[in-house]
Protein backbone atom coordinates (compact mmCIF):
# COMPACT_ATOMS: atom_id res chain seq x y z
CA UNK A 1 0.00 0.00 0.00
CA UNK A 2 1.12 3.53 -0.61
CA UNK A 3 1.82 5.91 2.23
CA UNK A 4 -1.26 7.92 1.21
CA UNK A 5 -3.65 4.95 1.55
CA UNK A 6 -1.99 3.70 4.75
CA UNK A 7 -2.46 7.05 6.46
CA UNK A 8 -5.23 7.28 9.05
CA UNK A 9 -7.95 9.77 8.01
CA UNK A 10 -7.38 11.86 11.12
CA UNK A 11 -3.90 12.72 9.83
CA UNK A 12 -5.48 14.51 6.87
CA UNK A 13 -7.44 16.99 9.00
CA UNK A 14 -6.22 20.57 8.64
CA UNK A 15 -5.37 22.20 12.00
CA UNK A 16 -6.37 25.66 10.73
CA UNK A 17 -9.73 24.50 9.38
CA UNK A 18 -10.63 21.78 11.86
CA UNK A 19 -10.76 23.97 14.95
CA UNK A 20 -14.48 24.13 15.89
CA UNK A 21 -14.99 27.89 15.56
CA UNK A 22 -13.02 28.19 12.33
CA UNK A 23 -14.88 25.23 10.81
CA UNK A 24 -18.11 26.99 11.82
CA UNK A 25 -16.97 30.24 10.21
CA UNK A 26 -16.09 28.51 6.95
CA UNK A 27 -19.35 26.56 6.94
CA UNK A 28 -21.56 29.61 7.55
CA UNK A 29 -19.60 31.64 5.00
CA UNK A 30 -19.99 28.84 2.45
CA UNK A 31 -23.74 28.70 3.00
CA UNK A 32 -24.22 32.49 3.00
CA UNK A 33 -21.69 33.35 0.26
CA UNK A 34 -21.12 36.70 2.04
CA UNK A 35 -21.61 36.98 5.78
CA UNK A 36 -21.68 39.99 8.09
CA UNK A 37 -19.49 39.98 11.21
CA UNK A 38 -22.35 40.57 13.67
CA UNK A 39 -24.46 37.79 12.19
CA UNK A 40 -21.52 35.41 12.40
CA UNK A 41 -20.76 36.45 15.99
CA UNK A 42 -24.36 35.81 17.09
CA UNK A 43 -24.72 32.58 15.10
CA UNK A 44 -21.57 31.05 16.59
CA UNK A 45 -22.06 32.54 20.08
CA UNK A 46 -18.70 34.31 20.19
CA UNK A 47 -17.37 37.55 21.56
CA UNK A 48 -16.24 40.11 19.00
CA UNK A 49 -12.63 39.73 20.11
CA UNK A 50 -12.66 35.95 19.86
CA UNK A 51 -14.26 36.03 16.41
CA UNK A 52 -11.73 38.63 15.25
CA UNK A 53 -8.84 36.39 16.26
CA UNK A 54 -10.23 33.43 14.35
CA UNK A 55 -10.93 35.60 11.30
CA UNK A 56 -7.34 36.84 11.38
CA UNK A 57 -6.08 33.24 11.36
CA UNK A 58 -8.30 32.33 8.41
CA UNK A 59 -7.40 35.50 6.52
CA UNK A 60 -3.67 34.93 7.07
CA UNK A 61 -4.10 31.39 5.69
CA UNK A 62 -5.79 32.85 2.60
CA UNK A 63 -9.10 31.11 3.28
CA UNK A 64 -11.30 34.21 3.62
CA UNK A 65 -11.42 37.77 2.36
CA UNK A 66 -12.54 40.53 4.73
CA UNK A 67 -14.29 43.63 3.45
CA UNK A 68 -14.97 46.69 5.58
CA UNK A 69 -17.54 49.26 4.62
CA UNK A 70 -20.72 50.99 5.67
CA UNK A 71 -24.36 50.07 5.67
CA UNK A 72 -26.10 53.38 6.09
CA UNK A 73 -24.09 55.13 8.78
CA UNK A 74 -22.94 51.98 10.52
CA UNK A 75 -19.53 50.46 9.93
CA UNK A 76 -19.80 46.83 8.85
CA UNK A 77 -17.42 43.97 8.20
CA UNK A 78 -18.24 41.19 5.74
CA UNK A 79 -16.35 38.10 4.86
CA UNK A 80 -16.37 35.73 1.93
CA UNK A 81 -14.60 32.48 1.25
CA UNK A 82 -11.72 32.56 -1.17
CA UNK A 83 -11.40 29.73 -3.69
CA UNK A 84 -8.73 28.28 -1.37
CA UNK A 85 -11.20 28.50 1.53
CA UNK A 86 -13.85 26.65 -0.44
CA UNK A 87 -11.32 23.95 -1.33
CA UNK A 88 -10.07 23.69 2.26
CA UNK A 89 -13.63 23.22 3.51
CA UNK A 90 -14.28 20.54 0.86
CA UNK A 91 -11.04 18.76 1.78
CA UNK A 92 -11.92 18.84 5.47
CA UNK A 93 -15.40 17.43 4.85
CA UNK A 94 -13.90 14.68 2.67
CA UNK A 95 -11.45 13.72 5.43
CA UNK A 96 -14.24 13.74 8.03
CA UNK A 97 -16.32 11.45 5.80
CA UNK A 98 -13.35 9.06 5.50
CA UNK A 99 -12.98 9.06 9.28
CA UNK A 100 -16.70 8.47 9.83
CA UNK A 101 -16.72 5.70 7.23
CA UNK A 102 -13.80 3.97 8.94
CA UNK A 103 -15.57 4.13 12.30
CA UNK A 104 -18.91 2.95 10.91
CA UNK A 105 -17.25 0.06 9.07
CA UNK A 106 -15.95 -1.18 12.40
CA UNK A 107 -12.28 -0.65 11.79
CA UNK A 108 -10.10 -2.11 14.48
CA UNK A 109 -10.19 -0.30 17.78
CA UNK A 110 -6.63 0.75 18.66
CA UNK A 111 -7.47 0.20 22.35
CA UNK A 112 -7.83 -3.54 21.65
CA UNK A 113 -4.10 -3.67 20.91
CA UNK A 114 -3.12 -2.39 24.35
C-alpha atoms as a PDB file:
ATOM      1  CA  UNK A   1       0.000   0.000   0.000  1.00  0.00           C
ATOM      2  CA  UNK A   2       1.123   3.525  -0.605  1.00  0.00           C
ATOM      3  CA  UNK A   3       1.823   5.905   2.229  1.00  0.00           C
ATOM      4  CA  UNK A   4      -1.261   7.923   1.206  1.00  0.00           C
ATOM      5  CA  UNK A   5      -3.654   4.951   1.546  1.00  0.00           C
ATOM      6  CA  UNK A   6      -1.995   3.700   4.751  1.00  0.00           C
ATOM      7  CA  UNK A   7      -2.463   7.049   6.464  1.00  0.00           C
ATOM      8  CA  UNK A   8      -5.227   7.277   9.051  1.00  0.00           C
ATOM      9  CA  UNK A   9      -7.950   9.767   8.008  1.00  0.00           C
ATOM     10  CA  UNK A  10      -7.385  11.861  11.123  1.00  0.00           C
ATOM     11  CA  UNK A  11      -3.902  12.719   9.827  1.00  0.00           C
ATOM     12  CA  UNK A  12      -5.482  14.512   6.868  1.00  0.00           C
ATOM     13  CA  UNK A  13      -7.436  16.987   9.000  1.00  0.00           C
ATOM     14  CA  UNK A  14      -6.220  20.573   8.637  1.00  0.00           C
ATOM     15  CA  UNK A  15      -5.371  22.198  11.996  1.00  0.00           C
ATOM     16  CA  UNK A  16      -6.371  25.657  10.734  1.00  0.00           C
ATOM     17  CA  UNK A  17      -9.733  24.499   9.376  1.00  0.00           C
ATOM     18  CA  UNK A  18     -10.634  21.784  11.857  1.00  0.00           C
ATOM     19  CA  UNK A  19     -10.763  23.968  14.953  1.00  0.00           C
ATOM     20  CA  UNK A  20     -14.481  24.128  15.893  1.00  0.00           C
ATOM     21  CA  UNK A  21     -14.986  27.890  15.562  1.00  0.00           C
ATOM     22  CA  UNK A  22     -13.019  28.186  12.326  1.00  0.00           C
ATOM     23  CA  UNK A  23     -14.878  25.233  10.810  1.00  0.00           C
ATOM     24  CA  UNK A  24     -18.106  26.987  11.819  1.00  0.00           C
ATOM     25  CA  UNK A  25     -16.973  30.243  10.212  1.00  0.00           C
ATOM     26  CA  UNK A  26     -16.091  28.508   6.949  1.00  0.00           C
ATOM     27  CA  UNK A  27     -19.350  26.561   6.940  1.00  0.00           C
ATOM     28  CA  UNK A  28     -21.558  29.613   7.549  1.00  0.00           C
ATOM     29  CA  UNK A  29     -19.596  31.637   4.998  1.00  0.00           C
ATOM     30  CA  UNK A  30     -19.988  28.845   2.455  1.00  0.00           C
ATOM     31  CA  UNK A  31     -23.740  28.701   3.005  1.00  0.00           C
ATOM     32  CA  UNK A  32     -24.224  32.485   2.998  1.00  0.00           C
ATOM     33  CA  UNK A  33     -21.686  33.352   0.262  1.00  0.00           C
ATOM     34  CA  UNK A  34     -21.115  36.704   2.037  1.00  0.00           C
ATOM     35  CA  UNK A  35     -21.610  36.975   5.778  1.00  0.00           C
ATOM     36  CA  UNK A  36     -21.682  39.988   8.090  1.00  0.00           C
ATOM     37  CA  UNK A  37     -19.491  39.977  11.211  1.00  0.00           C
ATOM     38  CA  UNK A  38     -22.351  40.570  13.675  1.00  0.00           C
ATOM     39  CA  UNK A  39     -24.463  37.785  12.188  1.00  0.00           C
ATOM     40  CA  UNK A  40     -21.524  35.407  12.395  1.00  0.00           C
ATOM     41  CA  UNK A  41     -20.763  36.452  15.989  1.00  0.00           C
ATOM     42  CA  UNK A  42     -24.360  35.808  17.086  1.00  0.00           C
ATOM     43  CA  UNK A  43     -24.718  32.584  15.096  1.00  0.00           C
ATOM     44  CA  UNK A  44     -21.571  31.049  16.590  1.00  0.00           C
ATOM     45  CA  UNK A  45     -22.058  32.536  20.076  1.00  0.00           C
ATOM     46  CA  UNK A  46     -18.704  34.313  20.189  1.00  0.00           C
ATOM     47  CA  UNK A  47     -17.373  37.551  21.563  1.00  0.00           C
ATOM     48  CA  UNK A  48     -16.243  40.105  19.000  1.00  0.00           C
ATOM     49  CA  UNK A  49     -12.626  39.726  20.107  1.00  0.00           C
ATOM     50  CA  UNK A  50     -12.665  35.947  19.860  1.00  0.00           C
ATOM     51  CA  UNK A  51     -14.261  36.026  16.413  1.00  0.00           C
ATOM     52  CA  UNK A  52     -11.734  38.632  15.248  1.00  0.00           C
ATOM     53  CA  UNK A  53      -8.836  36.390  16.261  1.00  0.00           C
ATOM     54  CA  UNK A  54     -10.232  33.430  14.347  1.00  0.00           C
ATOM     55  CA  UNK A  55     -10.930  35.595  11.299  1.00  0.00           C
ATOM     56  CA  UNK A  56      -7.341  36.842  11.377  1.00  0.00           C
ATOM     57  CA  UNK A  57      -6.083  33.241  11.356  1.00  0.00           C
ATOM     58  CA  UNK A  58      -8.302  32.335   8.412  1.00  0.00           C
ATOM     59  CA  UNK A  59      -7.396  35.503   6.518  1.00  0.00           C
ATOM     60  CA  UNK A  60      -3.673  34.927   7.072  1.00  0.00           C
ATOM     61  CA  UNK A  61      -4.102  31.388   5.691  1.00  0.00           C
ATOM     62  CA  UNK A  62      -5.788  32.851   2.597  1.00  0.00           C
ATOM     63  CA  UNK A  63      -9.103  31.114   3.277  1.00  0.00           C
ATOM     64  CA  UNK A  64     -11.304  34.213   3.624  1.00  0.00           C
ATOM     65  CA  UNK A  65     -11.423  37.767   2.364  1.00  0.00           C
ATOM     66  CA  UNK A  66     -12.535  40.531   4.729  1.00  0.00           C
ATOM     67  CA  UNK A  67     -14.285  43.632   3.446  1.00  0.00           C
ATOM     68  CA  UNK A  68     -14.972  46.689   5.579  1.00  0.00           C
ATOM     69  CA  UNK A  69     -17.536  49.262   4.624  1.00  0.00           C
ATOM     70  CA  UNK A  70     -20.716  50.990   5.674  1.00  0.00           C
ATOM     71  CA  UNK A  71     -24.365  50.072   5.669  1.00  0.00           C
ATOM     72  CA  UNK A  72     -26.097  53.376   6.089  1.00  0.00           C
ATOM     73  CA  UNK A  73     -24.089  55.133   8.784  1.00  0.00           C
ATOM     74  CA  UNK A  74     -22.936  51.975  10.516  1.00  0.00           C
ATOM     75  CA  UNK A  75     -19.529  50.460   9.929  1.00  0.00           C
ATOM     76  CA  UNK A  76     -19.797  46.832   8.853  1.00  0.00           C
ATOM     77  CA  UNK A  77     -17.416  43.968   8.197  1.00  0.00           C
ATOM     78  CA  UNK A  78     -18.240  41.192   5.737  1.00  0.00           C
ATOM     79  CA  UNK A  79     -16.346  38.096   4.864  1.00  0.00           C
ATOM     80  CA  UNK A  80     -16.368  35.734   1.934  1.00  0.00           C
ATOM     81  CA  UNK A  81     -14.595  32.482   1.252  1.00  0.00           C
ATOM     82  CA  UNK A  82     -11.721  32.561  -1.174  1.00  0.00           C
ATOM     83  CA  UNK A  83     -11.396  29.729  -3.692  1.00  0.00           C
ATOM     84  CA  UNK A  84      -8.727  28.283  -1.368  1.00  0.00           C
ATOM     85  CA  UNK A  85     -11.202  28.502   1.531  1.00  0.00           C
ATOM     86  CA  UNK A  86     -13.847  26.649  -0.442  1.00  0.00           C
ATOM     87  CA  UNK A  87     -11.319  23.947  -1.327  1.00  0.00           C
ATOM     88  CA  UNK A  88     -10.067  23.687   2.265  1.00  0.00           C
ATOM     89  CA  UNK A  89     -13.633  23.217   3.505  1.00  0.00           C
ATOM     90  CA  UNK A  90     -14.282  20.537   0.865  1.00  0.00           C
ATOM     91  CA  UNK A  91     -11.045  18.756   1.776  1.00  0.00           C
ATOM     92  CA  UNK A  92     -11.918  18.837   5.472  1.00  0.00           C
ATOM     93  CA  UNK A  93     -15.397  17.426   4.850  1.00  0.00           C
ATOM     94  CA  UNK A  94     -13.898  14.683   2.670  1.00  0.00           C
ATOM     95  CA  UNK A  95     -11.454  13.716   5.430  1.00  0.00           C
ATOM     96  CA  UNK A  96     -14.239  13.736   8.033  1.00  0.00           C
ATOM     97  CA  UNK A  97     -16.316  11.453   5.798  1.00  0.00           C
ATOM     98  CA  UNK A  98     -13.348   9.058   5.498  1.00  0.00           C
ATOM     99  CA  UNK A  99     -12.979   9.055   9.275  1.00  0.00           C
ATOM    100  CA  UNK A 100     -16.699   8.466   9.834  1.00  0.00           C
ATOM    101  CA  UNK A 101     -16.717   5.696   7.226  1.00  0.00           C
ATOM    102  CA  UNK A 102     -13.801   3.973   8.939  1.00  0.00           C
ATOM    103  CA  UNK A 103     -15.571   4.126  12.300  1.00  0.00           C
ATOM    104  CA  UNK A 104     -18.912   2.949  10.905  1.00  0.00           C
ATOM    105  CA  UNK A 105     -17.247   0.056   9.075  1.00  0.00           C
ATOM    106  CA  UNK A 106     -15.952  -1.182  12.404  1.00  0.00           C
ATOM    107  CA  UNK A 107     -12.284  -0.650  11.786  1.00  0.00           C
ATOM    108  CA  UNK A 108     -10.097  -2.115  14.482  1.00  0.00           C
ATOM    109  CA  UNK A 109     -10.195  -0.295  17.779  1.00  0.00           C
ATOM    110  CA  UNK A 110      -6.634   0.751  18.664  1.00  0.00           C
ATOM    111  CA  UNK A 111      -7.475   0.202  22.347  1.00  0.00           C
ATOM    112  CA  UNK A 112      -7.829  -3.544  21.652  1.00  0.00           C
ATOM    113  CA  UNK A 113      -4.104  -3.674  20.908  1.00  0.00           C
ATOM    114  CA  UNK A 114      -3.117  -2.393  24.354  1.00  0.00           C
END
